[in-house]
Amino acid sequence: MKIKNSTRSGFGQAMAELGRNKKVVALSADLIDSNKLNAFIEKYPKRFFQAGVAEQNMVSMATGLALEGKIPFACSFGVFMPMRCLDQIRVSVCYNQTNVKLVATHCGLATGEDGATHQALEDVAALRSLPNITIIEPCDYNQTIKATKAAAKLKGPVYLRLHRAKFESLTGKASLFKIGKAQVLQRGKKITIIGSGPILTEVMKACKELKYKPEIINCHTIKPLDSETILKSVRKTKKVIVVQDHQVIGGLGSAVTELLSEKYPVKCKIIGMQDKFGESGKPMQLWQKYGLDSTNILKEIKSLVK
């Protein structure tokens, strides 16, 4: 039986390891357990800052720490950061190109029972238009460890989009990770399927039901988009489906279709939240209801490849 784990737990593990670098500091808006910062705090208590329920202040604190040469990781839920402190992110972090790492641990419908108010489905759209920010959504526990460490090395603003629920790993400990370079999970033909985050587990499940192998791309870096890898695949397959645990407006699907409309127009379908809010339920129940599960993904593949 494959072990399941969450991307937020991968972040917690990475932070415990990154703490060896004395420049790395962590901040939380009263969500230590949820942000998986316990191990970091236990090892490096003097480099942790509790902001309380004050996300705007936390981003300002992180900006100050970055300007003093630290590498701050400011953590909260996606509905609180970026959504509650977009002004501070825009001006203090992005405009000034400060070396702040923004970490959201509860994103998408996969947040589950916490319900609509706590399911961040608009966060990528809110941030993607801001200059100077890198947006990363790793697909599993292993990749999150690599992504967090890579974010610490990258100079400038980074947003890590993470998830609460536990999923099977799609990558191994030895798999390569590079910011801005998409990972081809499966080489194939007839259609290119692009996704980011744990929703790719449903993509892989759906594709096992086909008699052929579609090309599957883990586009973990949503901004900057890996245009080269995407265009190379699409020129071969001529059809695209983008799957995202996010609104269909403004997320990864929008980024991909913007690229294709300019460089290589083809048939394209975006699977995601259709301009709606979510509700309370288990992650798989919500994915099924809103069409993000393997059954609907398979249906959409078959409708595009006839």
Protein backbone atom coordinates (compact mmCIF):
# COMPACT_ATOMS: atom_id res chain seq x y z
CA MET A 1 0.00 0.00 0.00
CA LYS A 2 1.34 3.40 -1.01
CA ILE A 3 1.88 5.91 1.80
CA LYS A 4 -0.22 9.07 1.61
CA ASN A 5 0.98 12.43 2.84
CA SER A 6 0.16 16.10 2.37
CA THR A 7 2.11 18.80 0.62
CA ARG A 8 1.90 20.93 3.78
CA SER A 9 3.73 18.14 5.65
CA GLY A 10 6.44 18.24 2.99
CA PHE A 11 6.79 21.96 3.68
CA GLY A 12 7.14 21.29 7.41
CA GLN A 13 9.87 18.72 6.77
CA ALA A 14 11.72 21.07 4.42
CA MET A 15 11.60 23.92 6.93
CA ALA A 16 13.06 21.71 9.67
CA GLU A 17 15.97 20.95 7.31
CA LEU A 18 16.31 24.51 5.99
CA GLY A 19 16.67 25.80 9.55
CA ARG A 20 20.36 24.92 9.40
CA ASN A 21 20.66 28.11 7.35
CA LYS A 22 20.65 30.88 9.97
CA LYS A 23 19.09 33.32 7.49
CA VAL A 24 15.87 31.28 7.30
CA VAL A 25 13.07 32.48 9.57
CA ALA A 26 9.40 31.51 9.81
CA LEU A 27 6.26 33.51 10.55
CA SER A 28 2.72 32.29 11.19
CA ALA A 29 -0.64 34.01 11.63
CA ASP A 30 -1.68 31.87 14.61
CA LEU A 31 -1.67 28.64 12.54
CA ILE A 32 1.46 26.82 13.73
CA ASP A 33 -0.02 23.31 13.69
CA SER A 34 -1.87 23.79 10.40
CA ASN A 35 1.22 25.27 8.75
CA LYS A 36 3.34 22.33 10.05
CA LEU A 37 5.93 24.61 11.64
CA ASN A 38 6.23 22.68 14.91
CA ALA A 39 9.53 20.96 14.08
CA PHE A 40 11.13 24.22 12.92
CA ILE A 41 10.01 26.03 16.08
CA GLU A 42 11.27 23.24 18.32
CA LYS A 43 14.73 23.39 16.73
CA TYR A 44 14.98 27.12 16.09
CA PRO A 45 12.60 28.98 18.47
CA LYS A 46 14.46 32.28 18.20
CA ARG A 47 13.87 32.37 14.44
CA PHE A 48 10.10 32.00 14.64
CA PHE A 49 7.73 34.98 14.81
CA GLN A 50 4.08 34.64 15.82
CA ALA A 51 2.08 37.41 14.13
CA GLY A 52 -1.29 36.40 15.54
CA VAL A 53 -4.45 36.79 13.48
CA ALA A 54 -2.95 39.70 11.56
CA GLU A 55 -1.87 38.57 8.10
CA GLN A 56 -1.27 42.08 6.80
CA ASN A 57 1.11 42.78 9.68
CA MET A 58 2.80 39.42 9.11
CA VAL A 59 3.62 40.26 5.48
CA SER A 60 4.98 43.64 6.59
CA MET A 61 7.10 41.90 9.25
CA ALA A 62 8.39 39.46 6.65
CA THR A 63 9.28 42.35 4.34
CA GLY A 64 11.32 43.99 7.08
CA LEU A 65 13.12 40.75 7.86
CA ALA A 66 13.91 40.25 4.17
CA LEU A 67 15.31 43.77 3.88
CA GLU A 68 17.64 42.92 6.80
CA GLY A 69 19.01 39.93 4.90
CA LYS A 70 16.81 37.14 6.28
CA ILE A 71 14.85 34.59 4.20
CA PRO A 72 11.36 34.76 5.70
CA PHE A 73 8.65 32.15 5.10
CA ALA A 74 5.31 33.75 6.01
CA CYS A 75 2.59 31.12 6.43
CA SER A 76 -1.20 31.06 6.57
CA PHE A 77 -4.23 29.68 4.70
CA GLY A 78 -4.74 30.67 1.06
CA VAL A 79 -7.98 32.49 1.89
CA PHE A 80 -6.10 34.71 4.33
CA MET A 81 -2.86 35.04 2.39
CA PRO A 82 -2.91 36.26 -0.33
CA MET A 83 -6.59 37.18 -0.15
CA ARG A 84 -6.58 39.23 3.06
CA CYS A 85 -3.26 40.99 2.50
CA LEU A 86 -3.04 41.50 -1.26
CA ASP A 87 -2.15 45.18 -0.87
CA GLN A 88 0.91 44.40 1.27
CA ILE A 89 1.95 41.62 -1.11
CA ARG A 90 1.58 43.89 -4.13
CA VAL A 91 3.44 46.91 -2.77
CA SER A 92 5.78 45.75 0.01
CA VAL A 93 6.75 42.39 -1.52
CA CYS A 94 6.31 42.45 -5.31
CA TYR A 95 6.89 46.14 -6.09
CA ASN A 96 10.03 46.16 -3.94
CA GLN A 97 11.08 42.67 -5.10
CA THR A 98 11.75 41.68 -1.50
CA ASN A 99 12.95 38.17 -0.77
CA VAL A 100 9.73 37.02 0.95
CA LYS A 101 8.32 33.49 0.63
CA LEU A 102 4.54 33.35 1.00
CA VAL A 103 3.18 29.94 1.97
CA ALA A 104 -0.50 28.93 1.86
CA THR A 105 -1.21 25.48 3.28
CA HIS A 106 -4.98 25.13 2.68
CA CYS A 107 -5.86 25.68 -0.98
CA GLY A 108 -8.56 24.40 -3.31
CA LEU A 109 -11.51 22.11 -2.71
CA ALA A 110 -9.02 19.67 -1.20
CA THR A 111 -9.29 21.78 1.98
CA GLY A 112 -12.50 19.78 2.45
CA GLU A 113 -14.74 20.08 5.47
CA ASP A 114 -13.66 23.63 6.36
CA GLY A 115 -16.07 24.75 3.64
CA ALA A 116 -16.40 27.55 1.12
CA THR A 117 -14.94 30.35 3.25
CA HIS A 118 -11.69 28.41 3.73
CA GLN A 119 -11.26 26.86 0.26
CA ALA A 120 -8.86 29.15 -1.61
CA LEU A 121 -9.95 28.89 -5.24
CA GLU A 122 -8.95 32.36 -6.43
CA ASP A 123 -5.46 32.77 -5.00
CA VAL A 124 -3.49 32.06 -8.19
CA ALA A 125 -5.70 34.44 -10.15
CA ALA A 126 -5.13 37.15 -7.54
CA LEU A 127 -1.34 36.77 -7.64
CA ARG A 128 -0.59 35.82 -11.23
CA SER A 129 -1.03 39.36 -12.54
CA LEU A 130 1.47 40.80 -10.05
CA PRO A 131 4.95 41.47 -11.46
CA ASN A 132 8.05 39.81 -9.97
CA ILE A 133 6.35 36.90 -8.17
CA THR A 134 7.02 33.20 -8.74
CA ILE A 135 4.07 30.85 -8.16
CA ILE A 136 4.69 27.17 -7.35
CA GLU A 137 2.20 24.37 -6.67
CA PRO A 138 4.05 21.07 -6.05
CA CYS A 139 2.16 17.85 -6.71
CA ASP A 140 3.14 15.80 -3.64
CA TYR A 141 5.08 15.53 -0.39
CA ASN A 142 8.45 14.75 -2.02
CA GLN A 143 8.19 17.56 -4.54
CA THR A 144 7.17 20.05 -1.85
CA ILE A 145 10.40 19.41 0.05
CA LYS A 146 12.37 20.19 -3.12
CA ALA A 147 10.19 23.18 -4.00
CA THR A 148 10.56 24.74 -0.55
CA LYS A 149 14.34 24.39 -0.62
CA ALA A 150 14.46 25.79 -4.17
CA ALA A 151 12.28 28.74 -3.09
CA ALA A 152 14.75 29.52 -0.29
CA LYS A 153 17.57 29.74 -2.85
CA LEU A 154 15.63 31.88 -5.33
CA LYS A 155 16.08 35.62 -4.80
CA GLY A 156 12.72 37.39 -4.83
CA PRO A 157 9.03 36.87 -4.01
CA VAL A 158 7.69 33.30 -4.12
CA TYR A 159 4.20 31.90 -3.45
CA LEU A 160 3.98 28.23 -2.45
CA ARG A 161 0.47 26.83 -2.98
CA LEU A 162 0.01 23.81 -0.70
CA HIS A 163 -2.76 21.47 0.40
CA ARG A 164 -4.21 20.03 3.59
CA ALA A 165 -5.37 16.56 2.47
CA LYS A 166 -3.10 13.53 2.11
CA PHE A 167 -2.45 11.99 -1.30
CA GLU A 168 -0.20 9.33 -2.81
CA SER A 169 3.14 10.53 -4.14
CA LEU A 170 3.62 10.90 -7.89
CA THR A 171 7.34 11.65 -7.68
CA GLY A 172 10.25 9.92 -5.99
CA LYS A 173 12.87 11.31 -3.66
CA ALA A 174 15.40 11.23 -6.51
CA SER A 175 13.20 13.03 -9.07
CA LEU A 176 14.49 16.34 -10.35
CA PHE A 177 12.87 19.67 -9.53
CA LYS A 178 13.70 23.02 -11.06
CA ILE A 179 11.67 26.21 -10.68
CA GLY A 180 10.25 27.20 -14.06
CA LYS A 181 10.80 23.77 -15.65
CA ALA A 182 7.69 21.60 -15.95
CA GLN A 183 7.94 17.86 -15.30
CA VAL A 184 6.67 15.39 -17.89
CA LEU A 185 5.08 12.67 -15.74
CA GLN A 186 4.15 10.54 -18.73
CA ARG A 187 5.15 10.80 -22.36
CA GLY A 188 2.35 9.97 -24.76
CA LYS A 189 0.24 10.92 -27.74
CA LYS A 190 -3.17 12.22 -28.93
CA ILE A 191 -3.65 14.75 -26.11
CA THR A 192 -1.61 16.79 -23.61
CA ILE A 193 -2.96 16.96 -20.07
CA ILE A 194 -1.50 19.71 -17.90
CA GLY A 195 -2.05 20.08 -14.17
CA SER A 196 -0.50 21.23 -10.91
CA GLY A 197 -0.83 20.03 -7.34
CA PRO A 198 -2.36 16.81 -5.95
CA ILE A 199 -5.25 16.93 -8.48
CA LEU A 200 -2.75 15.22 -10.78
CA THR A 201 -3.43 11.99 -8.85
CA GLU A 202 -6.92 12.04 -10.42
CA VAL A 203 -5.42 12.71 -13.84
CA MET A 204 -3.13 9.68 -13.52
CA LYS A 205 -6.07 7.54 -12.37
CA ALA A 206 -8.19 8.64 -15.33
CA CYS A 207 -5.48 7.94 -17.88
CA LYS A 208 -5.06 4.35 -16.70
CA GLU A 209 -8.51 3.68 -18.19
CA LEU A 210 -7.40 4.62 -21.71
CA LYS A 211 -6.00 2.24 -24.35
CA TYR A 212 -3.28 4.76 -25.18
CA LYS A 213 -0.99 6.95 -23.09
CA PRO A 214 -1.70 10.69 -23.13
CA GLU A 215 1.15 13.10 -22.44
CA ILE A 216 0.87 14.31 -18.83
CA ILE A 217 2.69 17.44 -17.66
CA ASN A 218 3.12 18.44 -14.03
CA CYS A 219 3.30 22.22 -14.40
CA HIS A 220 4.37 22.84 -10.80
CA THR A 221 5.61 26.33 -11.64
CA ILE A 222 2.54 28.30 -12.69
CA LYS A 223 4.55 31.51 -13.05
CA PRO A 224 6.89 31.71 -14.89
CA LEU A 225 5.23 29.20 -17.22
CA ASP A 226 7.44 26.67 -18.97
CA SER A 227 6.38 27.64 -22.49
CA GLU A 228 8.99 25.47 -24.17
CA THR A 229 7.87 22.17 -22.62
CA ILE A 230 4.17 22.93 -23.13
CA LEU A 231 4.52 24.00 -26.76
CA LYS A 232 6.73 21.03 -27.61
CA SER A 233 4.10 18.65 -26.27
CA VAL A 234 1.10 20.41 -27.81
CA ARG A 235 2.71 20.59 -31.24
CA LYS A 236 2.86 16.80 -31.06
CA THR A 237 -0.62 16.07 -29.66
CA LYS A 238 -2.69 19.01 -31.04
CA LYS A 239 -5.16 18.87 -28.11
CA VAL A 240 -4.98 20.08 -24.49
CA ILE A 241 -6.80 19.64 -21.20
CA VAL A 242 -5.76 21.66 -18.15
CA VAL A 243 -6.87 20.37 -14.73
CA GLN A 244 -6.70 22.60 -11.65
CA ASP A 245 -8.19 22.74 -8.14
CA HIS A 246 -8.92 26.43 -8.69
CA GLN A 247 -11.42 28.64 -10.48
CA VAL A 248 -11.30 28.19 -14.27
CA ILE A 249 -10.80 31.96 -14.43
CA GLY A 250 -7.28 33.24 -13.92
CA GLY A 251 -5.44 30.09 -12.87
CA LEU A 252 -3.09 27.66 -14.61
CA GLY A 253 -5.66 27.06 -17.35
CA SER A 254 -5.76 30.75 -18.17
CA ALA A 255 -1.96 30.90 -18.28
CA VAL A 256 -1.80 27.93 -20.68
CA THR A 257 -4.56 29.18 -22.98
CA GLU A 258 -2.99 32.65 -23.11
CA LEU A 259 0.22 31.02 -24.29
CA LEU A 260 -1.49 28.78 -26.85
CA SER A 261 -3.75 31.49 -28.27
CA GLU A 262 -0.67 33.47 -29.18
CA LYS A 263 1.82 30.75 -30.11
CA TYR A 264 -0.10 27.64 -31.21
CA PRO A 265 -3.93 27.69 -31.13
CA VAL A 266 -5.44 24.23 -30.61
CA LYS A 267 -8.52 22.65 -29.02
CA CYS A 268 -8.31 23.26 -25.28
CA LYS A 269 -10.49 22.44 -22.27
CA ILE A 270 -10.04 23.79 -18.72
CA ILE A 271 -11.33 21.60 -15.89
CA GLY A 272 -11.79 23.46 -12.61
CA MET A 273 -14.35 25.34 -10.53
CA GLN A 274 -16.88 26.89 -12.88
CA ASP A 275 -17.12 30.35 -11.29
CA LYS A 276 -18.66 28.98 -8.08
CA PHE A 277 -17.87 28.77 -4.39
CA GLY A 278 -17.37 25.35 -2.81
CA GLU A 279 -19.04 23.80 0.23
CA SER A 280 -18.23 21.53 3.14
CA GLY A 281 -17.38 17.91 2.36
CA LYS A 282 -14.55 15.44 2.02
CA PRO A 283 -12.05 16.34 -0.73
CA MET A 284 -13.02 13.41 -2.98
CA GLN A 285 -16.73 14.16 -2.56
CA LEU A 286 -16.13 17.75 -3.61
CA TRP A 287 -13.95 16.80 -6.56
CA GLN A 288 -16.68 14.43 -7.72
CA LYS A 289 -19.48 16.98 -7.34
CA TYR A 290 -17.62 19.74 -9.15
CA GLY A 291 -16.18 17.59 -11.94
CA LEU A 292 -12.53 17.35 -10.89
CA ASP A 293 -12.48 13.60 -10.22
CA SER A 294 -10.99 10.92 -12.47
CA THR A 295 -14.39 9.90 -13.89
CA ASN A 296 -15.13 13.36 -15.25
CA ILE A 297 -11.54 13.89 -16.39
CA LEU A 298 -11.78 10.65 -18.37
CA LYS A 299 -15.08 11.80 -19.88
CA GLU A 300 -13.54 15.08 -20.98
CA ILE A 301 -10.53 13.32 -22.51
CA LYS A 302 -12.80 11.05 -24.55
CA SER A 303 -14.91 14.00 -25.71
CA LEU A 304 -11.82 15.75 -27.05
CA VAL A 305 -10.12 12.66 -28.52
CA LYS A 306 -12.65 10.94 -30.79
